[in-house]
């Protein structure tokens, strides 16, 4: 399956509820399948979402609290059962490597298919061409990384310039692939008939107090998935546990000038997320609350959320 979208596998924070599974988010980006923070039950949620485990090409953990990683053993075992062809790389804060190793060997049975690729707690980059993956440290109670995924700028051909240059049919594809072509003795270059536009971008900010690094990580992304564990009425709990309120998540989105903000990681004290959306929308109107098993498209410029 091709295309770019975010599959919401779970939206609960520390404790799952009757309607919310633990965290879990699969970013499908053409042939890439990036699984973020597989909490307990993620394997089953993949089944409900109709996503085979072989769709996963990389696993990225923000940190090693249980609600963000306890589904990892089941996912890896399922990938082995489904005969995933390539070992899946796992990225995570380097200080958590001992816990990741234990999760990868949590039960008897066939070895799970994985390669551990820790990222320094202070941040870094991950190579997964053509995607550019960047990690930034966040301000939680344990070492935590936020992740940013983006593609390089892309050339877009302009129909009027193509027509004026006499480029049509298969020649347009050849021009994109080669950068320049010859037509009737003239050299036609990409810059003559097209323009470069920035690629699509996504960021995930989980489990953090509000901090400059979260804003920097999310700067200008089309889609920001951000924790909003609490409402402002419980701001003292947010401070104690180093989490965000919905208003603070919206503040990050506004300061970072993102296209679309999606809230998740809700405390079990809230039966629904309508209060989170209302609170965030006062600061940043282009906001929605994630729901389990929802599929959210990733579009350049962000998505238009439904009305409140």
Protein backbone atom coordinates (compact mmCIF):
# COMPACT_ATOMS: atom_id res chain seq x y z
CA UNK A 1 0.00 0.00 0.00
CA UNK A 2 1.30 3.43 -0.90
CA UNK A 3 0.33 6.87 0.33
CA UNK A 4 1.08 8.82 3.48
CA UNK A 5 -1.12 8.65 6.56
CA UNK A 6 -1.05 8.13 10.30
CA UNK A 7 -2.84 5.10 11.75
CA UNK A 8 -3.86 5.69 15.37
CA UNK A 9 -3.49 2.38 17.23
CA UNK A 10 -4.05 3.74 20.73
CA UNK A 11 -4.59 7.03 22.53
CA UNK A 12 -4.42 6.22 26.26
CA UNK A 13 -1.68 7.41 28.56
CA UNK A 14 -0.59 5.39 31.59
CA UNK A 15 -3.69 3.19 31.83
CA UNK A 16 -5.82 1.92 28.94
CA UNK A 17 -9.60 2.29 29.18
CA UNK A 18 -12.59 0.50 27.70
CA UNK A 19 -12.39 2.75 24.64
CA UNK A 20 -8.68 3.59 24.45
CA UNK A 21 -5.77 1.25 23.93
CA UNK A 22 -2.30 2.13 25.11
CA UNK A 23 -0.25 4.35 22.79
CA UNK A 24 0.67 3.21 19.33
CA UNK A 25 1.01 5.10 16.04
CA UNK A 26 1.94 3.81 12.60
CA UNK A 27 3.10 6.37 10.06
CA UNK A 28 2.67 4.90 6.57
CA UNK A 29 4.84 6.86 4.17
CA UNK A 30 4.84 5.26 0.74
CA UNK A 31 6.85 2.05 1.27
CA UNK A 32 7.94 3.01 4.78
CA UNK A 33 6.03 1.95 7.88
CA UNK A 34 7.25 3.74 11.01
CA UNK A 35 5.76 2.39 14.24
CA UNK A 36 6.01 4.79 17.17
CA UNK A 37 5.65 3.82 20.85
CA UNK A 38 3.92 0.42 20.67
CA UNK A 39 2.18 0.14 24.01
CA UNK A 40 0.51 -2.96 25.35
CA UNK A 41 -2.06 -4.36 22.91
CA UNK A 42 -0.53 -2.88 19.78
CA UNK A 43 -0.38 -6.26 18.01
CA UNK A 44 -4.15 -6.65 18.36
CA UNK A 45 -4.81 -3.06 17.34
CA UNK A 46 -2.89 -3.68 14.12
CA UNK A 47 -5.35 -6.48 13.38
CA UNK A 48 -8.34 -4.24 14.03
CA UNK A 49 -6.79 -1.55 11.82
CA UNK A 50 -6.25 -4.04 9.00
CA UNK A 51 -2.50 -3.43 8.95
CA UNK A 52 -0.22 -6.47 8.59
CA UNK A 53 2.85 -6.55 10.82
CA UNK A 54 4.98 -6.88 7.68
CA UNK A 55 4.02 -3.28 6.89
CA UNK A 56 6.35 -2.14 9.70
CA UNK A 57 9.81 -1.15 8.46
CA UNK A 58 11.12 0.69 11.53
CA UNK A 59 10.17 1.06 15.21
CA UNK A 60 10.88 4.28 17.11
CA UNK A 61 10.46 4.72 20.86
CA UNK A 62 10.24 8.11 22.52
CA UNK A 63 11.14 6.64 25.91
CA UNK A 64 10.95 3.48 27.97
CA UNK A 65 7.91 4.01 30.20
CA UNK A 66 5.67 0.98 29.89
CA UNK A 67 2.74 2.59 28.12
CA UNK A 68 5.12 3.43 25.25
CA UNK A 69 6.95 0.13 24.84
CA UNK A 70 5.28 -2.90 26.46
CA UNK A 71 3.72 -3.91 23.16
CA UNK A 72 7.13 -4.29 21.53
CA UNK A 73 7.65 -8.02 22.33
CA UNK A 74 4.32 -8.98 20.81
CA UNK A 75 4.87 -6.90 17.69
CA UNK A 76 8.30 -8.44 17.12
CA UNK A 77 7.02 -11.96 17.66
CA UNK A 78 4.18 -11.30 15.24
CA UNK A 79 6.62 -10.01 12.62
CA UNK A 80 8.59 -13.24 12.96
CA UNK A 81 5.39 -15.31 12.69
CA UNK A 82 4.38 -13.38 9.58
CA UNK A 83 7.84 -13.95 8.09
CA UNK A 84 8.88 -10.34 7.77
CA UNK A 85 11.81 -10.52 5.39
CA UNK A 86 14.18 -7.96 6.88
CA UNK A 87 15.15 -7.41 10.51
CA UNK A 88 13.36 -4.28 11.72
CA UNK A 89 15.58 -1.48 13.10
CA UNK A 90 14.56 -0.09 16.48
CA UNK A 91 15.52 3.46 17.50
CA UNK A 92 15.31 4.70 21.08
CA UNK A 93 17.14 6.85 23.66
CA UNK A 94 20.52 5.21 24.17
CA UNK A 95 20.26 5.17 27.96
CA UNK A 96 17.30 2.78 27.63
CA UNK A 97 19.18 0.09 25.72
CA UNK A 98 19.14 -2.44 28.58
CA UNK A 99 15.34 -2.25 28.75
CA UNK A 100 14.98 -2.58 24.99
CA UNK A 101 17.21 -5.66 25.03
CA UNK A 102 14.98 -7.23 27.67
CA UNK A 103 11.84 -6.43 25.71
CA UNK A 104 13.32 -8.07 22.61
CA UNK A 105 13.99 -11.29 24.52
CA UNK A 106 10.95 -11.25 26.80
CA UNK A 107 9.77 -14.79 26.06
CA UNK A 108 10.85 -18.19 24.80
CA UNK A 109 10.44 -18.96 21.14
CA UNK A 110 12.03 -18.07 17.86
CA UNK A 111 14.34 -15.06 17.93
CA UNK A 112 12.59 -11.83 17.08
CA UNK A 113 13.77 -9.95 14.02
CA UNK A 114 15.35 -6.66 15.01
CA UNK A 115 18.49 -4.57 15.04
CA UNK A 116 19.03 -2.09 17.84
CA UNK A 117 20.00 1.41 16.73
CA UNK A 118 20.15 3.64 19.83
CA UNK A 119 20.17 7.42 19.46
CA UNK A 120 22.03 9.61 21.92
CA UNK A 121 19.80 11.02 24.66
CA UNK A 122 20.78 14.49 23.46
CA UNK A 123 19.30 13.81 20.03
CA UNK A 124 20.58 12.87 16.61
CA UNK A 125 19.57 11.65 13.18
CA UNK A 126 18.49 8.33 11.68
CA UNK A 127 19.25 7.29 8.11
CA UNK A 128 16.24 5.91 6.24
CA UNK A 129 16.39 7.28 2.67
CA UNK A 130 14.70 9.19 1.27
CA UNK A 131 13.20 10.13 4.64
CA UNK A 132 15.11 12.37 7.01
CA UNK A 133 14.48 11.40 10.65
CA UNK A 134 15.63 13.69 13.46
CA UNK A 135 15.42 13.25 17.23
CA UNK A 136 15.32 16.04 19.82
CA UNK A 137 15.45 15.62 23.61
CA UNK A 138 12.28 16.51 25.49
CA UNK A 139 11.65 17.45 29.13
CA UNK A 140 10.18 14.36 30.80
CA UNK A 141 11.11 12.52 34.00
CA UNK A 142 13.26 10.03 32.07
CA UNK A 143 15.33 10.50 28.90
CA UNK A 144 12.82 11.11 26.12
CA UNK A 145 13.16 11.89 22.43
CA UNK A 146 10.72 13.55 20.11
CA UNK A 147 10.88 12.49 16.46
CA UNK A 148 10.59 14.48 13.24
CA UNK A 149 10.17 12.82 9.84
CA UNK A 150 10.41 14.72 6.57
CA UNK A 151 11.17 14.17 2.94
CA UNK A 152 13.58 16.26 0.86
CA UNK A 153 12.25 19.08 -1.32
CA UNK A 154 10.51 17.88 -4.47
CA UNK A 155 10.28 19.32 -7.96
CA UNK A 156 6.81 20.15 -9.25
CA UNK A 157 6.42 20.65 -13.00
CA UNK A 158 4.32 23.63 -14.08
CA UNK A 159 1.96 22.81 -17.00
CA UNK A 160 2.22 26.19 -18.72
CA UNK A 161 6.02 26.12 -18.72
CA UNK A 162 6.03 22.50 -19.91
CA UNK A 163 3.77 23.41 -22.83
CA UNK A 164 5.90 26.42 -23.75
CA UNK A 165 9.04 24.27 -23.74
CA UNK A 166 7.41 21.51 -25.77
CA UNK A 167 7.68 18.89 -23.02
CA UNK A 168 4.89 16.32 -23.02
CA UNK A 169 4.13 12.70 -22.17
CA UNK A 170 7.00 10.49 -21.10
CA UNK A 171 9.47 13.36 -21.50
CA UNK A 172 8.08 14.95 -18.32
CA UNK A 173 8.88 11.85 -16.29
CA UNK A 174 12.31 11.61 -17.86
CA UNK A 175 12.98 15.23 -16.96
CA UNK A 176 12.09 14.58 -13.32
CA UNK A 177 14.35 11.53 -13.24
CA UNK A 178 17.35 12.99 -15.09
CA UNK A 179 17.22 16.72 -14.31
CA UNK A 180 17.57 17.81 -17.93
CA UNK A 181 16.61 16.53 -21.38
CA UNK A 182 17.19 17.51 -25.01
CA UNK A 183 14.23 18.42 -27.22
CA UNK A 184 14.71 19.60 -30.80
CA UNK A 185 18.26 20.59 -30.08
CA UNK A 186 17.45 22.56 -26.91
CA UNK A 187 18.36 21.63 -23.34
CA UNK A 188 15.36 21.74 -21.01
CA UNK A 189 16.24 21.82 -17.30
CA UNK A 190 14.02 21.20 -14.31
CA UNK A 191 14.48 24.75 -13.10
CA UNK A 192 13.20 26.02 -16.46
CA UNK A 193 9.80 24.32 -16.20
CA UNK A 194 9.26 23.62 -12.52
CA UNK A 195 9.68 24.81 -8.98
CA UNK A 196 11.01 23.18 -5.85
CA UNK A 197 8.63 22.77 -2.97
CA UNK A 198 9.43 21.52 0.49
CA UNK A 199 8.58 17.93 1.22
CA UNK A 200 5.90 16.73 3.60
CA UNK A 201 6.76 16.58 7.30
CA UNK A 202 5.56 15.03 10.55
CA UNK A 203 6.57 15.28 14.20
CA UNK A 204 5.61 13.35 17.32
CA UNK A 205 5.97 14.93 20.76
CA UNK A 206 5.16 12.60 23.65
CA UNK A 207 5.58 12.84 27.41
CA UNK A 208 7.17 16.20 28.06
CA UNK A 209 6.76 19.46 29.83
CA UNK A 210 6.55 22.44 27.50
CA UNK A 211 10.06 23.23 26.22
CA UNK A 212 11.92 24.99 23.43
CA UNK A 213 13.04 21.67 21.95
CA UNK A 214 9.44 20.61 21.31
CA UNK A 215 8.82 23.82 19.36
CA UNK A 216 12.05 23.42 17.41
CA UNK A 217 11.24 19.80 16.57
CA UNK A 218 7.78 20.72 15.29
CA UNK A 219 8.79 23.85 13.38
CA UNK A 220 6.66 24.11 10.23
CA UNK A 221 5.57 20.46 10.07
CA UNK A 222 2.40 19.55 8.20
CA UNK A 223 1.18 17.26 11.00
CA UNK A 224 2.11 17.37 14.68
CA UNK A 225 1.01 14.48 16.90
CA UNK A 226 1.31 15.78 20.45
CA UNK A 227 0.52 14.48 23.90
CA UNK A 228 -2.21 16.30 25.80
CA UNK A 229 -2.47 14.20 28.93
CA UNK A 230 -4.34 16.80 30.98
CA UNK A 231 -6.60 19.82 30.81
CA UNK A 232 -5.63 23.13 32.39
CA UNK A 233 -7.86 22.25 35.35
CA UNK A 234 -5.20 19.63 36.22
CA UNK A 235 -2.20 21.77 35.36
CA UNK A 236 -0.58 21.02 38.73
CA UNK A 237 -0.53 17.30 37.80
CA UNK A 238 0.97 18.17 34.44
CA UNK A 239 3.75 20.04 36.25
CA UNK A 240 4.35 17.21 38.74
CA UNK A 241 4.56 14.48 36.11
CA UNK A 242 6.10 16.61 33.33
CA UNK A 243 3.28 16.29 30.87
CA UNK A 244 1.37 18.75 28.70
CA UNK A 245 -2.11 20.17 28.96
CA UNK A 246 -4.18 20.58 25.80
CA UNK A 247 -3.56 24.33 25.93
CA UNK A 248 0.20 23.81 26.16
CA UNK A 249 0.14 21.40 23.21
CA UNK A 250 -1.72 24.05 21.21
CA UNK A 251 0.84 26.65 22.27
CA UNK A 252 3.63 24.48 20.87
CA UNK A 253 1.68 24.10 17.61
CA UNK A 254 1.08 27.85 17.35
CA UNK A 255 4.69 28.81 18.07
CA UNK A 256 5.96 26.16 15.65
CA UNK A 257 3.50 27.22 12.93
CA UNK A 258 2.38 23.65 12.18
CA UNK A 259 -0.30 22.76 9.66
CA UNK A 260 -2.47 20.41 11.74
CA UNK A 261 -2.30 19.48 15.42
CA UNK A 262 -3.53 16.05 16.55
CA UNK A 263 -3.87 15.49 20.30
CA UNK A 264 -3.41 12.11 21.98
CA UNK A 265 -2.12 10.35 25.14
CA UNK A 266 -5.18 11.21 27.24
CA UNK A 267 -5.45 10.52 30.96
CA UNK A 268 -8.07 7.92 31.88
CA UNK A 269 -9.78 10.56 34.05
CA UNK A 270 -11.37 12.03 30.90
CA UNK A 271 -14.17 9.94 29.33
CA UNK A 272 -13.78 11.75 26.02
CA UNK A 273 -11.48 14.33 24.44
CA UNK A 274 -14.02 17.03 23.59
CA UNK A 275 -12.69 19.23 26.39
CA UNK A 276 -9.15 18.87 25.06
CA UNK A 277 -10.17 20.01 21.58
CA UNK A 278 -12.15 22.95 22.91
CA UNK A 279 -9.30 24.07 25.17
CA UNK A 280 -6.66 23.72 22.45
CA UNK A 281 -8.78 25.43 19.79
CA UNK A 282 -8.76 28.65 21.80
CA UNK A 283 -5.04 28.82 21.06
CA UNK A 284 -4.69 26.89 17.79
CA UNK A 285 -7.87 26.25 15.77
CA UNK A 286 -6.48 23.60 13.38
CA UNK A 287 -6.72 20.85 15.99
CA UNK A 288 -8.37 17.45 16.33
CA UNK A 289 -8.27 14.70 18.93
CA UNK A 290 -7.04 11.29 17.83
CA UNK A 291 -9.36 8.30 18.18
CA UNK A 292 -8.32 4.66 18.30
CA UNK A 293 -8.13 3.07 14.82
CA UNK A 294 -8.58 6.42 13.04
CA UNK A 295 -6.52 7.04 9.90
CA UNK A 296 -5.32 10.63 9.47
CA UNK A 297 -3.93 11.73 6.09
CA UNK A 298 -0.64 13.59 5.95
CA UNK A 299 -0.86 16.36 3.39
CA UNK A 300 1.50 19.18 2.59
CA UNK A 301 0.24 22.28 4.33
CA UNK A 302 -1.63 20.27 6.94
CA UNK A 303 -5.17 18.94 6.92
CA UNK A 304 -8.41 20.80 7.51
CA UNK A 305 -9.90 19.43 10.74
CA UNK A 306 -13.63 18.89 11.05
CA UNK A 307 -15.68 21.60 12.81
CA UNK A 308 -15.95 21.48 16.58
